Amino acid sequence: MGVHYTQKFKEDAVIYYNDHNDLGLNGCAKNLGISKSALGKWVNAAKEQDGKVPTRGSGNYSSDEAKEIARLKKELRDAQDALDVLKKAINILGR
């Protein structure tokens, strides 16, 4: 997963861009240490949302349920990987 920025950071980045748009999207993004595409999305979102840049919370999940589903899927993958390792070990030792 990528880097997650707070709503305050995103809104401050938009303000910086609006104050320094002579630098362009590339220049502002470079100065802020973020991607041009991220800054562009935030600028467009702020235009549509009266200066607010919507965030979906930590991990960028749309809801607590989605976050829990992602956690459970990862837990299941980890358990399946552990089971595969055990099966291989049993096959090796059983010979």
PDB file of N, CA and C in Angstrom:
ATOM      1  N   MET A   1       0.841  -1.182   0.000  1.00  0.00           N
ATOM      2  CA  MET A   1       0.000   0.000   0.000  1.00  0.00           C
ATOM      3  C   MET A   1       0.880   1.238   0.000  1.00  0.00           C
ATOM      4  N   GLY A   2       0.331   2.276  -0.501  1.00  0.00           N
ATOM      5  CA  GLY A   2       1.094   3.511  -0.595  1.00  0.00           C
ATOM      6  C   GLY A   2       1.102   4.303   0.683  1.00  0.00           C
ATOM      7  N   VAL A   3       1.655   5.490   0.567  1.00  0.00           N
ATOM      8  CA  VAL A   3       1.721   6.414   1.693  1.00  0.00           C
ATOM      9  C   VAL A   3       0.352   7.048   1.887  1.00  0.00           C
ATOM     10  N   HIS A   4      -0.021   7.259   3.139  1.00  0.00           N
ATOM     11  CA  HIS A   4      -1.309   7.874   3.432  1.00  0.00           C
ATOM     12  C   HIS A   4      -1.078   9.239   4.051  1.00  0.00           C
ATOM     13  N   TYR A   5      -1.782  10.231   3.543  1.00  0.00           N
ATOM     14  CA  TYR A   5      -1.638  11.601   4.018  1.00  0.00           C
ATOM     15  C   TYR A   5      -2.896  12.008   4.774  1.00  0.00           C
ATOM     16  N   THR A   6      -2.714  12.843   5.782  1.00  0.00           N
ATOM     17  CA  THR A   6      -3.857  13.333   6.544  1.00  0.00           C
ATOM     18  C   THR A   6      -4.641  14.333   5.707  1.00  0.00           C
ATOM     19  N   GLN A   7      -5.876  14.541   6.106  1.00  0.00           N
ATOM     20  CA  GLN A   7      -6.703  15.517   5.409  1.00  0.00           C
ATOM     21  C   GLN A   7      -6.060  16.898   5.513  1.00  0.00           C
ATOM     22  N   LYS A   8      -5.499  17.241   6.674  1.00  0.00           N
ATOM     23  CA  LYS A   8      -4.850  18.541   6.862  1.00  0.00           C
ATOM     24  C   LYS A   8      -3.691  18.704   5.879  1.00  0.00           C
ATOM     25  N   PHE A   9      -2.872  17.671   5.722  1.00  0.00           N
ATOM     26  CA  PHE A   9      -1.752  17.745   4.791  1.00  0.00           C
ATOM     27  C   PHE A   9      -2.256  17.989   3.372  1.00  0.00           C
ATOM     28  N   LYS A  10      -3.305  17.241   2.994  1.00  0.00           N
ATOM     29  CA  LYS A  10      -3.845  17.388   1.644  1.00  0.00           C
ATOM     30  C   LYS A  10      -4.368  18.803   1.418  1.00  0.00           C
ATOM     31  N   GLU A  11      -5.093  19.328   2.391  1.00  0.00           N
ATOM     32  CA  GLU A  11      -5.644  20.678   2.251  1.00  0.00           C
ATOM     33  C   GLU A  11      -4.541  21.728   2.248  1.00  0.00           C
ATOM     34  N   ASP A  12      -3.500  21.516   3.072  1.00  0.00           N
ATOM     35  CA  ASP A  12      -2.359  22.436   3.060  1.00  0.00           C
ATOM     36  C   ASP A  12      -1.629  22.383   1.720  1.00  0.00           C
ATOM     37  N   ALA A  13      -1.537  21.190   1.136  1.00  0.00           N
ATOM     38  CA  ALA A  13      -0.890  21.046  -0.173  1.00  0.00           C
ATOM     39  C   ALA A  13      -1.668  21.805  -1.241  1.00  0.00           C
ATOM     40  N   VAL A  14      -2.996  21.744  -1.169  1.00  0.00           N
ATOM     41  CA  VAL A  14      -3.838  22.477  -2.130  1.00  0.00           C
ATOM     42  C   VAL A  14      -3.635  23.980  -1.952  1.00  0.00           C
ATOM     43  N   ILE A  15      -3.593  24.438  -0.712  1.00  0.00           N
ATOM     44  CA  ILE A  15      -3.357  25.868  -0.443  1.00  0.00           C
ATOM     45  C   ILE A  15      -1.991  26.278  -0.999  1.00  0.00           C
ATOM     46  N   TYR A  16      -0.976  25.439  -0.765  1.00  0.00           N
ATOM     47  CA  TYR A  16       0.363  25.726  -1.293  1.00  0.00           C
ATOM     48  C   TYR A  16       0.314  25.845  -2.815  1.00  0.00           C
ATOM     49  N   TYR A  17      -0.381  24.905  -3.463  1.00  0.00           N
ATOM     50  CA  TYR A  17      -0.492  24.956  -4.914  1.00  0.00           C
ATOM     51  C   TYR A  17      -1.195  26.232  -5.369  1.00  0.00           C
ATOM     52  N   ASN A  18      -2.290  26.589  -4.690  1.00  0.00           N
ATOM     53  CA  ASN A  18      -3.030  27.793  -5.071  1.00  0.00           C
ATOM     54  C   ASN A  18      -2.182  29.050  -4.874  1.00  0.00           C
ATOM     55  N   ASP A  19      -1.328  29.057  -3.859  1.00  0.00           N
ATOM     56  CA  ASP A  19      -0.457  30.205  -3.603  1.00  0.00           C
ATOM     57  C   ASP A  19       0.764  30.241  -4.526  1.00  0.00           C
ATOM     58  N   HIS A  20       1.119  29.094  -5.103  1.00  0.00           N
ATOM     59  CA  HIS A  20       2.334  28.997  -5.929  1.00  0.00           C
ATOM     60  C   HIS A  20       2.038  28.350  -7.280  1.00  0.00           C
ATOM     61  N   ASN A  21       0.859  28.593  -7.831  1.00  0.00           N
ATOM     62  CA  ASN A  21       0.522  27.899  -9.078  1.00  0.00           C
ATOM     63  C   ASN A  21       1.381  28.337 -10.255  1.00  0.00           C
ATOM     64  N   ASP A  22       2.185  29.382 -10.061  1.00  0.00           N
ATOM     65  CA  ASP A  22       3.155  29.743 -11.095  1.00  0.00           C
ATOM     66  C   ASP A  22       4.202  28.642 -11.265  1.00  0.00           C
ATOM     67  N   LEU A  23       4.376  27.807 -10.237  1.00  0.00           N
ATOM     68  CA  LEU A  23       5.313  26.678 -10.319  1.00  0.00           C
ATOM     69  C   LEU A  23       4.712  25.513 -11.100  1.00  0.00           C
ATOM     70  N   GLY A  24       3.399  25.531 -11.241  1.00  0.00           N
ATOM     71  CA  GLY A  24       2.720  24.429 -11.911  1.00  0.00           C
ATOM     72  C   GLY A  24       2.552  23.240 -10.979  1.00  0.00           C
ATOM     73  N   LEU A  25       1.785  22.287 -11.435  1.00  0.00           N
ATOM     74  CA  LEU A  25       1.523  21.091 -10.645  1.00  0.00           C
ATOM     75  C   LEU A  25       2.805  20.308 -10.378  1.00  0.00           C
ATOM     76  N   ASN A  26       3.650  20.188 -11.417  1.00  0.00           N
ATOM     77  CA  ASN A  26       4.914  19.453 -11.256  1.00  0.00           C
ATOM     78  C   ASN A  26       5.808  20.084 -10.206  1.00  0.00           C
ATOM     79  N   GLY A  27       6.006  21.389 -10.304  1.00  0.00           N
ATOM     80  CA  GLY A  27       6.896  22.084  -9.374  1.00  0.00           C
ATOM     81  C   GLY A  27       6.403  22.025  -7.947  1.00  0.00           C
ATOM     82  N   CYS A  28       5.116  22.245  -7.756  1.00  0.00           N
ATOM     83  CA  CYS A  28       4.555  22.199  -6.397  1.00  0.00           C
ATOM     84  C   CYS A  28       4.651  20.790  -5.819  1.00  0.00           C
ATOM     85  N   ALA A  29       4.295  19.795  -6.627  1.00  0.00           N
ATOM     86  CA  ALA A  29       4.350  18.407  -6.149  1.00  0.00           C
ATOM     87  C   ALA A  29       5.785  18.038  -5.772  1.00  0.00           C
ATOM     88  N   LYS A  30       6.740  18.443  -6.603  1.00  0.00           N
ATOM     89  CA  LYS A  30       8.151  18.148  -6.319  1.00  0.00           C
ATOM     90  C   LYS A  30       8.585  18.809  -5.014  1.00  0.00           C
ATOM     91  N   ASN A  31       8.215  20.078  -4.819  1.00  0.00           N
ATOM     92  CA  ASN A  31       8.581  20.790  -3.597  1.00  0.00           C
ATOM     93  C   ASN A  31       7.960  20.146  -2.358  1.00  0.00           C
ATOM     94  N   LEU A  32       6.766  19.584  -2.508  1.00  0.00           N
ATOM     95  CA  LEU A  32       6.080  18.957  -1.377  1.00  0.00           C
ATOM     96  C   LEU A  32       6.485  17.499  -1.175  1.00  0.00           C
ATOM     97  N   GLY A  33       7.205  16.944  -2.145  1.00  0.00           N
ATOM     98  CA  GLY A  33       7.633  15.551  -2.035  1.00  0.00           C
ATOM     99  C   GLY A  33       6.506  14.559  -2.279  1.00  0.00           C
ATOM    100  N   ILE A  34       5.558  14.939  -3.129  1.00  0.00           N
ATOM    101  CA  ILE A  34       4.430  14.057  -3.450  1.00  0.00           C
ATOM    102  C   ILE A  34       4.321  13.926  -4.955  1.00  0.00           C
ATOM    103  N   SER A  35       3.471  12.991  -5.394  1.00  0.00           N
ATOM    104  CA  SER A  35       3.327  12.802  -6.840  1.00  0.00           C
ATOM    105  C   SER A  35       2.434  13.886  -7.435  1.00  0.00           C
ATOM    106  N   LYS A  36       2.687  14.152  -8.702  1.00  0.00           N
ATOM    107  CA  LYS A  36       1.880  15.131  -9.430  1.00  0.00           C
ATOM    108  C   LYS A  36       0.429  14.673  -9.488  1.00  0.00           C
ATOM    109  N   SER A  37       0.213  13.367  -9.683  1.00  0.00           N
ATOM    110  CA  SER A  37      -1.158  12.859  -9.800  1.00  0.00           C
ATOM    111  C   SER A  37      -1.923  13.014  -8.486  1.00  0.00           C
ATOM    112  N   ALA A  38      -1.245  12.782  -7.358  1.00  0.00           N
ATOM    113  CA  ALA A  38      -1.912  12.944  -6.054  1.00  0.00           C
ATOM    114  C   ALA A  38      -2.316  14.397  -5.853  1.00  0.00           C
ATOM    115  N   LEU A  39      -1.390  15.300  -6.091  1.00  0.00           N
ATOM    116  CA  LEU A  39      -1.700  16.722  -5.917  1.00  0.00           C
ATOM    117  C   LEU A  39      -2.827  17.143  -6.853  1.00  0.00           C
ATOM    118  N   GLY A  40      -2.790  16.676  -8.089  1.00  0.00           N
ATOM    119  CA  GLY A  40      -3.840  16.996  -9.045  1.00  0.00           C
ATOM    120  C   GLY A  40      -5.208  16.527  -8.575  1.00  0.00           C
ATOM    121  N   LYS A  41      -5.268  15.311  -8.029  1.00  0.00           N
ATOM    122  CA  LYS A  41      -6.544  14.790  -7.511  1.00  0.00           C
ATOM    123  C   LYS A  41      -7.044  15.654  -6.359  1.00  0.00           C
ATOM    124  N   TRP A  42      -6.118  16.037  -5.473  1.00  0.00           N
ATOM    125  CA  TRP A  42      -6.507  16.838  -4.306  1.00  0.00           C
ATOM    126  C   TRP A  42      -6.996  18.215  -4.738  1.00  0.00           C
ATOM    127  N   VAL A  43      -6.321  18.820  -5.720  1.00  0.00           N
ATOM    128  CA  VAL A  43      -6.712  20.146  -6.208  1.00  0.00           C
ATOM    129  C   VAL A  43      -8.108  20.074  -6.823  1.00  0.00           C
ATOM    130  N   ASN A  44      -8.336  19.052  -7.649  1.00  0.00           N
ATOM    131  CA  ASN A  44      -9.659  18.894  -8.268  1.00  0.00           C
ATOM    132  C   ASN A  44     -10.737  18.627  -7.228  1.00  0.00           C
ATOM    133  N   ALA A  45     -10.437  17.789  -6.247  1.00  0.00           N
ATOM    134  CA  ALA A  45     -11.415  17.489  -5.192  1.00  0.00           C
ATOM    135  C   ALA A  45     -11.738  18.747  -4.402  1.00  0.00           C
ATOM    136  N   ALA A  46     -10.713  19.554  -4.117  1.00  0.00           N
ATOM    137  CA  ALA A  46     -10.920  20.777  -3.337  1.00  0.00           C
ATOM    138  C   ALA A  46     -11.808  21.764  -4.099  1.00  0.00           C
ATOM    139  N   LYS A  47     -11.649  21.807  -5.425  1.00  0.00           N
ATOM    140  CA  LYS A  47     -12.491  22.697  -6.235  1.00  0.00           C
ATOM    141  C   LYS A  47     -13.958  22.284  -6.133  1.00  0.00           C
ATOM    142  N   GLU A  48     -14.202  20.980  -6.086  1.00  0.00           N
ATOM    143  CA  GLU A  48     -15.568  20.467  -6.040  1.00  0.00           C
ATOM    144  C   GLU A  48     -16.164  20.505  -4.633  1.00  0.00           C
ATOM    145  N   GLN A  49     -15.311  20.552  -3.613  1.00  0.00           N
ATOM    146  CA  GLN A  49     -15.770  20.416  -2.228  1.00  0.00           C
ATOM    147  C   GLN A  49     -15.510  21.672  -1.390  1.00  0.00           C
ATOM    148  N   ASP A  50     -15.521  22.841  -1.988  1.00  0.00           N
ATOM    149  CA  ASP A  50     -15.298  24.104  -1.253  1.00  0.00           C
ATOM    150  C   ASP A  50     -14.005  24.101  -0.444  1.00  0.00           C
ATOM    151  N   GLY A  51     -12.943  23.626  -1.048  1.00  0.00           N
ATOM    152  CA  GLY A  51     -11.643  23.651  -0.386  1.00  0.00           C
ATOM    153  C   GLY A  51     -11.342  22.448   0.477  1.00  0.00           C
ATOM    154  N   LYS A  52     -12.291  21.583   0.692  1.00  0.00           N
ATOM    155  CA  LYS A  52     -12.072  20.372   1.498  1.00  0.00           C
ATOM    156  C   LYS A  52     -11.603  19.244   0.591  1.00  0.00           C
ATOM    157  N   VAL A  53     -10.639  18.484   1.080  1.00  0.00           N
ATOM    158  CA  VAL A  53     -10.176  17.317   0.347  1.00  0.00           C
ATOM    159  C   VAL A  53     -10.668  16.099   1.121  1.00  0.00           C
ATOM    160  N   PRO A  54     -11.637  15.374   0.576  1.00  0.00           N
ATOM    161  CA  PRO A  54     -12.176  14.246   1.330  1.00  0.00           C
ATOM    162  C   PRO A  54     -11.153  13.135   1.509  1.00  0.00           C
ATOM    163  N   THR A  55     -11.170  12.560   2.695  1.00  0.00           N
ATOM    164  CA  THR A  55     -10.336  11.386   2.953  1.00  0.00           C
ATOM    165  C   THR A  55     -11.241  10.300   3.478  1.00  0.00           C
ATOM    166  N   ARG A  56     -10.778   9.085   3.343  1.00  0.00           N
ATOM    167  CA  ARG A  56     -11.592   7.971   3.807  1.00  0.00           C
ATOM    168  C   ARG A  56     -11.022   7.381   5.083  1.00  0.00           C
ATOM    169  N   GLY A  57     -10.153   8.099   5.760  1.00  0.00           N
ATOM    170  CA  GLY A  57      -9.597   7.585   7.003  1.00  0.00           C
ATOM    171  C   GLY A  57      -8.339   6.782   6.766  1.00  0.00           C
ATOM    172  N   SER A  58      -7.795   6.241   7.836  1.00  0.00           N
ATOM    173  CA  SER A  58      -6.540   5.515   7.735  1.00  0.00           C
ATOM    174  C   SER A  58      -6.726   4.299   6.849  1.00  0.00           C
ATOM    175  N   GLY A  59      -5.752   4.073   5.991  1.00  0.00           N
ATOM    176  CA  GLY A  59      -5.803   2.944   5.096  1.00  0.00           C
ATOM    177  C   GLY A  59      -6.661   3.168   3.885  1.00  0.00           C
ATOM    178  N   ASN A  60      -7.295   4.315   3.772  1.00  0.00           N
ATOM    179  CA  ASN A  60      -8.141   4.643   2.636  1.00  0.00           C
ATOM    180  C   ASN A  60      -9.232   3.608   2.385  1.00  0.00           C
ATOM    181  N   TYR A  61      -9.818   3.071   3.443  1.00  0.00           N
ATOM    182  CA  TYR A  61     -10.944   2.170   3.304  1.00  0.00           C
ATOM    183  C   TYR A  61     -12.228   2.985   3.349  1.00  0.00           C
ATOM    184  N   SER A  62     -13.231   2.553   2.604  1.00  0.00           N
ATOM    185  CA  SER A  62     -14.470   3.316   2.511  1.00  0.00           C
ATOM    186  C   SER A  62     -15.309   3.196   3.772  1.00  0.00           C
ATOM    187  N   SER A  63     -15.046   2.182   4.594  1.00  0.00           N
ATOM    188  CA  SER A  63     -15.818   2.010   5.822  1.00  0.00           C
ATOM    189  C   SER A  63     -15.044   1.129   6.790  1.00  0.00           C
ATOM    190  N   ASP A  64     -15.505   1.086   8.041  1.00  0.00           N
ATOM    191  CA  ASP A  64     -14.888   0.193   9.017  1.00  0.00           C
ATOM    192  C   ASP A  64     -15.045  -1.264   8.590  1.00  0.00           C
ATOM    193  N   GLU A  65     -16.187  -1.565   7.960  1.00  0.00           N
ATOM    194  CA  GLU A  65     -16.417  -2.934   7.508  1.00  0.00           C
ATOM    195  C   GLU A  65     -15.394  -3.330   6.440  1.00  0.00           C
ATOM    196  N   ALA A  66     -15.125  -2.434   5.505  1.00  0.00           N
ATOM    197  CA  ALA A  66     -14.144  -2.724   4.451  1.00  0.00           C
ATOM    198  C   ALA A  66     -12.761  -2.921   5.051  1.00  0.00           C
ATOM    199  N   LYS A  67     -12.437  -2.130   6.065  1.00  0.00           N
ATOM    200  CA  LYS A  67     -11.141  -2.273   6.728  1.00  0.00           C
ATOM    201  C   LYS A  67     -11.046  -3.628   7.425  1.00  0.00           C
ATOM    202  N   GLU A  68     -12.123  -4.039   8.087  1.00  0.00           N
ATOM    203  CA  GLU A  68     -12.149  -5.334   8.768  1.00  0.00           C
ATOM    204  C   GLU A  68     -12.074  -6.478   7.768  1.00  0.00           C
ATOM    205  N   ILE A  69     -12.768  -6.355   6.640  1.00  0.00           N
ATOM    206  CA  ILE A  69     -12.706  -7.390   5.609  1.00  0.00           C
ATOM    207  C   ILE A  69     -11.276  -7.539   5.094  1.00  0.00           C
ATOM    208  N   ALA A  70     -10.608  -6.421   4.841  1.00  0.00           N
ATOM    209  CA  ALA A  70      -9.218  -6.467   4.357  1.00  0.00           C
ATOM    210  C   ALA A  70      -8.312  -7.128   5.394  1.00  0.00           C
ATOM    211  N   ARG A  71      -8.533  -6.815   6.678  1.00  0.00           N
ATOM    212  CA  ARG A  71      -7.724  -7.418   7.743  1.00  0.00           C
ATOM    213  C   ARG A  71      -7.959  -8.921   7.794  1.00  0.00           C
ATOM    214  N   LEU A  72      -9.205  -9.339   7.699  1.00  0.00           N
ATOM    215  CA  LEU A  72      -9.529 -10.761   7.756  1.00  0.00           C
ATOM    216  C   LEU A  72      -8.985 -11.515   6.539  1.00  0.00           C
ATOM    217  N   LYS A  73      -9.039 -10.886   5.356  1.00  0.00           N
ATOM    218  CA  LYS A  73      -8.479 -11.521   4.167  1.00  0.00           C
ATOM    219  C   LYS A  73      -6.977 -11.736   4.317  1.00  0.00           C
ATOM    220  N   LYS A  74      -6.290 -10.746   4.885  1.00  0.00           N
ATOM    221  CA  LYS A  74      -4.850 -10.884   5.103  1.00  0.00           C
ATOM    222  C   LYS A  74      -4.580 -11.992   6.109  1.00  0.00           C
ATOM    223  N   GLU A  75      -5.379 -12.039   7.169  1.00  0.00           N
ATOM    224  CA  GLU A  75      -5.219 -13.086   8.177  1.00  0.00           C
ATOM    225  C   GLU A  75      -5.437 -14.469   7.553  1.00  0.00           C
ATOM    226  N   LEU A  76      -6.434 -14.599   6.686  1.00  0.00           N
ATOM    227  CA  LEU A  76      -6.710 -15.859   6.010  1.00  0.00           C
ATOM    228  C   LEU A  76      -5.545 -16.255   5.100  1.00  0.00           C
ATOM    229  N   ARG A  77      -5.009 -15.294   4.345  1.00  0.00           N
ATOM    230  CA  ARG A  77      -3.851 -15.585   3.471  1.00  0.00           C
ATOM    231  C   ARG A  77      -2.667 -16.070   4.298  1.00  0.00           C
ATOM    232  N   ASP A  78      -2.423 -15.400   5.431  1.00  0.00           N
ATOM    233  CA  ASP A  78      -1.309 -15.797   6.292  1.00  0.00           C
ATOM    234  C   ASP A  78      -1.517 -17.221   6.818  1.00  0.00           C
ATOM    235  N   ALA A  79      -2.754 -17.547   7.222  1.00  0.00           N
ATOM    236  CA  ALA A  79      -3.048 -18.883   7.739  1.00  0.00           C
ATOM    237  C   ALA A  79      -2.893 -19.931   6.635  1.00  0.00           C
ATOM    238  N   GLN A  80      -3.338 -19.598   5.414  1.00  0.00           N
ATOM    239  CA  GLN A  80      -3.201 -20.530   4.297  1.00  0.00           C
ATOM    240  C   GLN A  80      -1.727 -20.763   3.963  1.00  0.00           C
ATOM    241  N   ASP A  81      -0.921 -19.701   4.018  1.00  0.00           N
ATOM    242  CA  ASP A  81       0.515 -19.848   3.764  1.00  0.00           C
ATOM    243  C   ASP A  81       1.152 -20.758   4.811  1.00  0.00           C
ATOM    244  N   ALA A  82       0.789 -20.566   6.077  1.00  0.00           N
ATOM    245  CA  ALA A  82       1.332 -21.395   7.159  1.00  0.00           C
ATOM    246  C   ALA A  82       0.923 -22.857   6.965  1.00  0.00           C
ATOM    247  N   LEU A  83      -0.318 -23.088   6.551  1.00  0.00           N
ATOM    248  CA  LEU A  83      -0.806 -24.439   6.307  1.00  0.00           C
ATOM    249  C   LEU A  83      -0.039 -25.094   5.163  1.00  0.00           C
ATOM    250  N   ASP A  84       0.223 -24.343   4.109  1.00  0.00           N
ATOM    251  CA  ASP A  84       0.993 -24.880   2.982  1.00  0.00           C
ATOM    252  C   ASP A  84       2.386 -25.306   3.422  1.00  0.00           C
ATOM    253  N   VAL A  85       3.019 -24.490   4.259  1.00  0.00           N
ATOM    254  CA  VAL A  85       4.356 -24.816   4.754  1.00  0.00           C
ATOM    255  C   VAL A  85       4.300 -26.102   5.583  1.00  0.00           C
ATOM    256  N   LEU A  86       3.300 -26.225   6.447  1.00  0.00           N
ATOM    257  CA  LEU A  86       3.160 -27.423   7.274  1.00  0.00           C
ATOM    258  C   LEU A  86       2.924 -28.668   6.423  1.00  0.00           C
ATOM    259  N   LYS A  87       2.101 -28.537   5.380  1.00  0.00           N
ATOM    260  CA  LYS A  87       1.841 -29.677   4.492  1.00  0.00           C
ATOM    261  C   LYS A  87       3.132 -30.133   3.812  1.00  0.00           C
ATOM    262  N   LYS A  88       3.936 -29.176   3.358  1.00  0.00           N
ATOM    263  CA  LYS A  88       5.205 -29.520   2.705  1.00  0.00           C
ATOM    264  C   LYS A  88       6.146 -30.183   3.686  1.00  0.00           C
ATOM    265  N   ALA A  89       6.189 -29.688   4.927  1.00  0.00           N
ATOM    266  CA  ALA A  89       7.057 -30.270   5.947  1.00  0.00           C
ATOM    267  C   ALA A  89       6.625 -31.709   6.260  1.00  0.00           C
ATOM    268  N   ILE A  90       5.319 -31.947   6.332  1.00  0.00           N
ATOM    269  CA  ILE A  90       4.807 -33.300   6.607  1.00  0.00           C
ATOM    270  C   ILE A  90       5.185 -34.239   5.479  1.00  0.00           C
ATOM    271  N   ASN A  91       5.074 -33.767   4.218  1.00  0.00           N
ATOM    272  CA  ASN A  91       5.452 -34.595   3.073  1.00  0.00           C
ATOM    273  C   ASN A  91       6.935 -34.934   3.111  1.00  0.00           C
ATOM    274  N   ILE A  92       7.778 -33.976   3.459  1.00  0.00           N
ATOM    275  CA  ILE A  92       9.220 -34.208   3.504  1.00  0.00           C
ATOM    276  C   ILE A  92       9.561 -35.180   4.617  1.00  0.00           C
ATOM    277  N   LEU A  93       8.977 -34.977   5.809  1.00  0.00           N
ATOM    278  CA  LEU A  93       9.282 -35.830   6.955  1.00  0.00           C
ATOM    279  C   LEU A  93       8.634 -37.204   6.867  1.00  0.00           C
ATOM    280  N   GLY A  94       7.562 -37.301   6.126  1.00  0.00           N
ATOM    281  CA  GLY A  94       6.838 -38.570   6.012  1.00  0.00           C
ATOM    282  C   GLY A  94       7.461 -39.570   5.071  1.00  0.00           C
ATOM    283  N   ARG A  95       8.485 -39.162   4.372  1.00  0.00           N
ATOM    284  CA  ARG A  95       9.118 -40.060   3.379  1.00  0.00           C
ATOM    285  C   ARG A  95      10.032 -41.045   4.034  1.00  0.00           C
TER     286      ARG A  95
END
